[in-house]
Amino acid sequence: MGSSRSQVADECGSPGTGPTPPVRHSLWQGQGPVVAVVAVGGALGATARYGASLLWPTRPGTFPWTTLVVNGVGCAIIGVFLVLISEVWTAHRLVRPFFGTGVLGGFTTFSTYAVDATRLVQDGRIATACAYLAGTLVVAMAAVWAAVAATRRALGAYGVGPGGKAAAR
């Protein structure tokens, strides 16, 4: 029986020292940088969307072409972007949240899509609202699919395969 100290005391630390305080991480570790780049990217994307609405305004009661085009273009860009960062090159951990979530999330505007549809319904343009609701989803999905396919084809034509390496010929 050698020692007068118990095994529990050895496991819990020295007597009289108390519990160890939790380790505090800097704001720039963990999710802080992700939140920051999403916010900056979102501001840029929303500004670009606002610019599109100024260049191509939609009159009340008419088909919201601007929102449809912005959403289609944004979805096509995300298709290209995802192929590039997942199949061609390794991106920094903040690129996807900045550009994909922030810029393109701020640029595409599915909240405006819902408001536009609601306004069409309120104006009594039910058929137009239904066409707009369905058409936007079709355009968005087709844009992503076509952009992914076109990007892969273009990269293959340049001899770039998955991982950004030249494809074997």
C-alpha atoms as a PDB file:
ATOM      1  CA  MET A   1       0.000   0.000   0.000  1.00  0.00           C
ATOM      2  CA  GLY A   2       2.587   2.536  -0.666  1.00  0.00           C
ATOM      3  CA  SER A   3       1.197   6.023  -1.329  1.00  0.00           C
ATOM      4  CA  SER A   4      -1.194   8.000   0.807  1.00  0.00           C
ATOM      5  CA  ARG A   5      -2.605   9.829  -2.257  1.00  0.00           C
ATOM      6  CA  SER A   6      -5.617   8.229  -3.829  1.00  0.00           C
ATOM      7  CA  GLN A   7      -5.887   7.345  -7.449  1.00  0.00           C
ATOM      8  CA  VAL A   8      -8.846   9.764  -7.781  1.00  0.00           C
ATOM      9  CA  ALA A   9      -6.715  12.687  -6.634  1.00  0.00           C
ATOM     10  CA  ASP A  10      -4.093  11.787  -9.227  1.00  0.00           C
ATOM     11  CA  GLU A  11      -6.718  11.802 -11.998  1.00  0.00           C
ATOM     12  CA  CYS A  12      -8.331  15.086 -10.943  1.00  0.00           C
ATOM     13  CA  GLY A  13      -5.165  17.155 -10.662  1.00  0.00           C
ATOM     14  CA  SER A  14      -3.232  18.604  -7.786  1.00  0.00           C
ATOM     15  CA  PRO A  15      -5.071  19.317  -4.555  1.00  0.00           C
ATOM     16  CA  GLY A  16      -6.148  22.940  -4.226  1.00  0.00           C
ATOM     17  CA  THR A  17      -5.788  23.867  -7.916  1.00  0.00           C
ATOM     18  CA  GLY A  18      -9.485  23.716  -8.811  1.00  0.00           C
ATOM     19  CA  PRO A  19     -11.006  22.937 -12.186  1.00  0.00           C
ATOM     20  CA  THR A  20      -9.196  23.839 -15.368  1.00  0.00           C
ATOM     21  CA  PRO A  21     -10.863  26.811 -17.160  1.00  0.00           C
ATOM     22  CA  PRO A  22     -12.204  26.082 -20.643  1.00  0.00           C
ATOM     23  CA  VAL A  23      -9.946  26.911 -23.573  1.00  0.00           C
ATOM     24  CA  ARG A  24     -11.161  29.997 -25.411  1.00  0.00           C
ATOM     25  CA  HIS A  25     -10.663  30.178 -29.125  1.00  0.00           C
ATOM     26  CA  SER A  26     -10.126  33.292 -31.147  1.00  0.00           C
ATOM     27  CA  LEU A  27     -13.011  34.673 -33.187  1.00  0.00           C
ATOM     28  CA  TRP A  28     -11.019  33.812 -36.323  1.00  0.00           C
ATOM     29  CA  GLN A  29     -11.021  30.123 -35.511  1.00  0.00           C
ATOM     30  CA  GLY A  30     -14.040  27.905 -36.061  1.00  0.00           C
ATOM     31  CA  GLN A  31     -17.093  29.501 -37.636  1.00  0.00           C
ATOM     32  CA  GLY A  32     -16.114  33.182 -37.285  1.00  0.00           C
ATOM     33  CA  PRO A  33     -14.382  33.437 -40.666  1.00  0.00           C
ATOM     34  CA  VAL A  34     -17.160  31.499 -42.382  1.00  0.00           C
ATOM     35  CA  VAL A  35     -19.823  33.864 -41.074  1.00  0.00           C
ATOM     36  CA  ALA A  36     -17.710  36.865 -42.098  1.00  0.00           C
ATOM     37  CA  VAL A  37     -17.125  35.696 -45.684  1.00  0.00           C
ATOM     38  CA  VAL A  38     -20.776  34.709 -46.135  1.00  0.00           C
ATOM     39  CA  ALA A  39     -21.808  38.195 -44.978  1.00  0.00           C
ATOM     40  CA  VAL A  40     -19.367  39.965 -47.303  1.00  0.00           C
ATOM     41  CA  GLY A  41     -20.255  37.693 -50.217  1.00  0.00           C
ATOM     42  CA  GLY A  42     -23.974  38.129 -49.542  1.00  0.00           C
ATOM     43  CA  ALA A  43     -23.619  41.907 -49.615  1.00  0.00           C
ATOM     44  CA  LEU A  44     -21.821  41.708 -52.971  1.00  0.00           C
ATOM     45  CA  GLY A  45     -24.379  39.326 -54.453  1.00  0.00           C
ATOM     46  CA  ALA A  46     -27.357  41.339 -53.211  1.00  0.00           C
ATOM     47  CA  THR A  47     -25.795  44.497 -54.644  1.00  0.00           C
ATOM     48  CA  ALA A  48     -25.427  42.801 -58.033  1.00  0.00           C
ATOM     49  CA  ARG A  49     -29.054  41.630 -57.885  1.00  0.00           C
ATOM     50  CA  TYR A  50     -30.209  45.127 -56.985  1.00  0.00           C
ATOM     51  CA  GLY A  51     -28.221  46.452 -59.934  1.00  0.00           C
ATOM     52  CA  ALA A  52     -30.005  43.998 -62.224  1.00  0.00           C
ATOM     53  CA  SER A  53     -33.372  45.195 -60.928  1.00  0.00           C
ATOM     54  CA  LEU A  54     -32.387  48.805 -61.671  1.00  0.00           C
ATOM     55  CA  LEU A  55     -31.176  47.960 -65.174  1.00  0.00           C
ATOM     56  CA  TRP A  56     -34.200  45.814 -65.986  1.00  0.00           C
ATOM     57  CA  PRO A  57     -37.133  46.851 -63.770  1.00  0.00           C
ATOM     58  CA  THR A  58     -40.330  44.818 -63.677  1.00  0.00           C
ATOM     59  CA  ARG A  59     -43.559  46.790 -63.744  1.00  0.00           C
ATOM     60  CA  PRO A  60     -46.186  45.739 -61.180  1.00  0.00           C
ATOM     61  CA  GLY A  61     -48.585  43.103 -62.488  1.00  0.00           C
ATOM     62  CA  THR A  62     -46.246  41.933 -65.248  1.00  0.00           C
ATOM     63  CA  PHE A  63     -44.245  38.738 -65.501  1.00  0.00           C
ATOM     64  CA  PRO A  64     -41.116  39.096 -63.306  1.00  0.00           C
ATOM     65  CA  TRP A  65     -38.533  38.383 -65.985  1.00  0.00           C
ATOM     66  CA  THR A  66     -35.680  40.005 -64.086  1.00  0.00           C
ATOM     67  CA  THR A  67     -36.037  37.681 -61.102  1.00  0.00           C
ATOM     68  CA  LEU A  68     -36.369  34.667 -63.385  1.00  0.00           C
ATOM     69  CA  VAL A  69     -33.223  35.594 -65.338  1.00  0.00           C
ATOM     70  CA  VAL A  70     -31.209  36.423 -62.195  1.00  0.00           C
ATOM     71  CA  ASN A  71     -32.136  33.084 -60.630  1.00  0.00           C
ATOM     72  CA  GLY A  72     -31.326  31.196 -63.832  1.00  0.00           C
ATOM     73  CA  VAL A  73     -27.966  32.923 -64.252  1.00  0.00           C
ATOM     74  CA  GLY A  74     -27.093  32.396 -60.586  1.00  0.00           C
ATOM     75  CA  CYS A  75     -27.946  28.705 -60.808  1.00  0.00           C
ATOM     76  CA  ALA A  76     -25.819  28.318 -63.944  1.00  0.00           C
ATOM     77  CA  ILE A  77     -22.893  30.003 -62.204  1.00  0.00           C
ATOM     78  CA  ILE A  78     -23.238  27.693 -59.210  1.00  0.00           C
ATOM     79  CA  GLY A  79     -23.118  24.707 -61.567  1.00  0.00           C
ATOM     80  CA  VAL A  80     -19.834  25.903 -63.069  1.00  0.00           C
ATOM     81  CA  PHE A  81     -18.442  26.826 -59.661  1.00  0.00           C
ATOM     82  CA  LEU A  82     -19.222  23.475 -58.054  1.00  0.00           C
ATOM     83  CA  VAL A  83     -17.566  21.541 -60.864  1.00  0.00           C
ATOM     84  CA  LEU A  84     -14.469  23.712 -60.580  1.00  0.00           C
ATOM     85  CA  ILE A  85     -14.078  23.471 -56.808  1.00  0.00           C
ATOM     86  CA  SER A  86     -15.064  19.837 -56.451  1.00  0.00           C
ATOM     87  CA  GLU A  87     -13.558  18.243 -59.547  1.00  0.00           C
ATOM     88  CA  VAL A  88     -10.770  20.475 -60.815  1.00  0.00           C
ATOM     89  CA  TRP A  89      -8.969  22.286 -58.029  1.00  0.00           C
ATOM     90  CA  THR A  90      -8.859  22.305 -54.277  1.00  0.00           C
ATOM     91  CA  ALA A  91     -10.245  25.566 -52.994  1.00  0.00           C
ATOM     92  CA  HIS A  92      -9.497  27.288 -49.703  1.00  0.00           C
ATOM     93  CA  ARG A  93     -12.073  26.390 -47.049  1.00  0.00           C
ATOM     94  CA  LEU A  94     -13.634  29.864 -47.258  1.00  0.00           C
ATOM     95  CA  VAL A  95     -14.138  29.961 -51.050  1.00  0.00           C
ATOM     96  CA  ARG A  96     -17.347  27.912 -51.073  1.00  0.00           C
ATOM     97  CA  PRO A  97     -19.042  29.855 -48.247  1.00  0.00           C
ATOM     98  CA  PHE A  98     -17.924  33.185 -49.718  1.00  0.00           C
ATOM     99  CA  PHE A  99     -18.893  32.602 -53.322  1.00  0.00           C
ATOM    100  CA  GLY A 100     -21.435  29.785 -53.243  1.00  0.00           C
ATOM    101  CA  THR A 101     -23.404  30.716 -50.136  1.00  0.00           C
ATOM    102  CA  GLY A 102     -22.594  34.420 -49.924  1.00  0.00           C
ATOM    103  CA  VAL A 103     -22.292  35.895 -53.405  1.00  0.00           C
ATOM    104  CA  LEU A 104     -24.613  33.504 -55.232  1.00  0.00           C
ATOM    105  CA  GLY A 105     -26.983  33.211 -52.273  1.00  0.00           C
ATOM    106  CA  GLY A 106     -27.266  36.997 -52.222  1.00  0.00           C
ATOM    107  CA  PHE A 107     -27.542  37.240 -56.002  1.00  0.00           C
ATOM    108  CA  THR A 108     -30.210  34.605 -56.530  1.00  0.00           C
ATOM    109  CA  THR A 109     -33.420  35.640 -54.950  1.00  0.00           C
ATOM    110  CA  PHE A 110     -35.902  32.943 -54.211  1.00  0.00           C
ATOM    111  CA  SER A 111     -37.491  35.144 -51.553  1.00  0.00           C
ATOM    112  CA  THR A 112     -38.293  37.718 -54.252  1.00  0.00           C
ATOM    113  CA  TYR A 113     -39.550  34.818 -56.363  1.00  0.00           C
ATOM    114  CA  ALA A 114     -42.116  34.052 -53.644  1.00  0.00           C
ATOM    115  CA  VAL A 115     -43.076  37.722 -53.275  1.00  0.00           C
ATOM    116  CA  ASP A 116     -43.443  38.086 -57.057  1.00  0.00           C
ATOM    117  CA  ALA A 117     -45.721  35.048 -57.181  1.00  0.00           C
ATOM    118  CA  THR A 118     -47.802  36.359 -54.287  1.00  0.00           C
ATOM    119  CA  ARG A 119     -48.222  39.726 -56.016  1.00  0.00           C
ATOM    120  CA  LEU A 120     -49.317  38.021 -59.233  1.00  0.00           C
ATOM    121  CA  VAL A 121     -51.937  36.068 -57.279  1.00  0.00           C
ATOM    122  CA  GLN A 122     -53.107  39.245 -55.522  1.00  0.00           C
ATOM    123  CA  ASP A 123     -53.431  40.920 -58.929  1.00  0.00           C
ATOM    124  CA  GLY A 124     -55.673  38.045 -60.049  1.00  0.00           C
ATOM    125  CA  ARG A 125     -53.058  36.598 -62.416  1.00  0.00           C
ATOM    126  CA  ILE A 126     -53.259  33.063 -61.059  1.00  0.00           C
ATOM    127  CA  ALA A 127     -52.198  31.298 -64.263  1.00  0.00           C
ATOM    128  CA  THR A 128     -49.204  33.610 -64.657  1.00  0.00           C
ATOM    129  CA  ALA A 129     -48.233  33.033 -61.011  1.00  0.00           C
ATOM    130  CA  CYS A 130     -48.412  29.256 -61.470  1.00  0.00           C
ATOM    131  CA  ALA A 131     -46.388  29.430 -64.689  1.00  0.00           C
ATOM    132  CA  TYR A 132     -43.834  31.623 -62.945  1.00  0.00           C
ATOM    133  CA  LEU A 133     -43.577  29.309 -59.927  1.00  0.00           C
ATOM    134  CA  ALA A 134     -43.112  26.186 -62.037  1.00  0.00           C
ATOM    135  CA  GLY A 135     -41.041  27.901 -64.719  1.00  0.00           C
ATOM    136  CA  THR A 136     -38.521  29.277 -62.237  1.00  0.00           C
ATOM    137  CA  LEU A 137     -37.914  25.838 -60.763  1.00  0.00           C
ATOM    138  CA  VAL A 138     -37.489  24.316 -64.215  1.00  0.00           C
ATOM    139  CA  VAL A 139     -35.165  27.119 -65.333  1.00  0.00           C
ATOM    140  CA  ALA A 140     -33.094  26.881 -62.135  1.00  0.00           C
ATOM    141  CA  MET A 141     -32.657  23.104 -62.298  1.00  0.00           C
ATOM    142  CA  ALA A 142     -31.987  23.135 -66.042  1.00  0.00           C
ATOM    143  CA  ALA A 143     -29.424  25.916 -65.626  1.00  0.00           C
ATOM    144  CA  VAL A 144     -27.487  23.978 -62.990  1.00  0.00           C
ATOM    145  CA  TRP A 145     -27.599  20.760 -65.008  1.00  0.00           C
ATOM    146  CA  ALA A 146     -26.600  22.436 -68.283  1.00  0.00           C
ATOM    147  CA  ALA A 147     -23.790  24.403 -66.629  1.00  0.00           C
ATOM    148  CA  VAL A 148     -22.381  21.295 -64.948  1.00  0.00           C
ATOM    149  CA  ALA A 149     -22.514  19.335 -68.218  1.00  0.00           C
ATOM    150  CA  ALA A 150     -21.023  22.185 -70.269  1.00  0.00           C
ATOM    151  CA  THR A 151     -18.244  22.809 -67.747  1.00  0.00           C
ATOM    152  CA  ARG A 152     -17.294  19.148 -67.625  1.00  0.00           C
ATOM    153  CA  ARG A 153     -17.321  18.967 -71.413  1.00  0.00           C
ATOM    154  CA  ALA A 154     -15.244  22.136 -71.774  1.00  0.00           C
ATOM    155  CA  LEU A 155     -12.718  20.957 -69.215  1.00  0.00           C
ATOM    156  CA  GLY A 156     -12.506  17.585 -70.951  1.00  0.00           C
ATOM    157  CA  ALA A 157     -11.857  19.335 -74.258  1.00  0.00           C
ATOM    158  CA  TYR A 158      -8.936  21.132 -72.615  1.00  0.00           C
ATOM    159  CA  GLY A 159      -7.625  17.861 -71.215  1.00  0.00           C
ATOM    160  CA  VAL A 160      -8.480  18.672 -67.617  1.00  0.00           C
ATOM    161  CA  GLY A 161      -9.830  15.749 -65.653  1.00  0.00           C
ATOM    162  CA  PRO A 162     -10.963  15.339 -62.042  1.00  0.00           C
ATOM    163  CA  GLY A 163      -8.496  16.785 -59.589  1.00  0.00           C
ATOM    164  CA  GLY A 164      -7.303  19.407 -62.091  1.00  0.00           C
ATOM    165  CA  LYS A 165      -4.896  17.012 -63.746  1.00  0.00           C
ATOM    166  CA  ALA A 166      -4.491  16.572 -67.446  1.00  0.00           C
ATOM    167  CA  ALA A 167      -6.659  13.696 -68.603  1.00  0.00           C
ATOM    168  CA  ALA A 168      -4.891  10.644 -69.966  1.00  0.00           C
ATOM    169  CA  ARG A 169      -5.118  10.471 -73.744  1.00  0.00           C
END
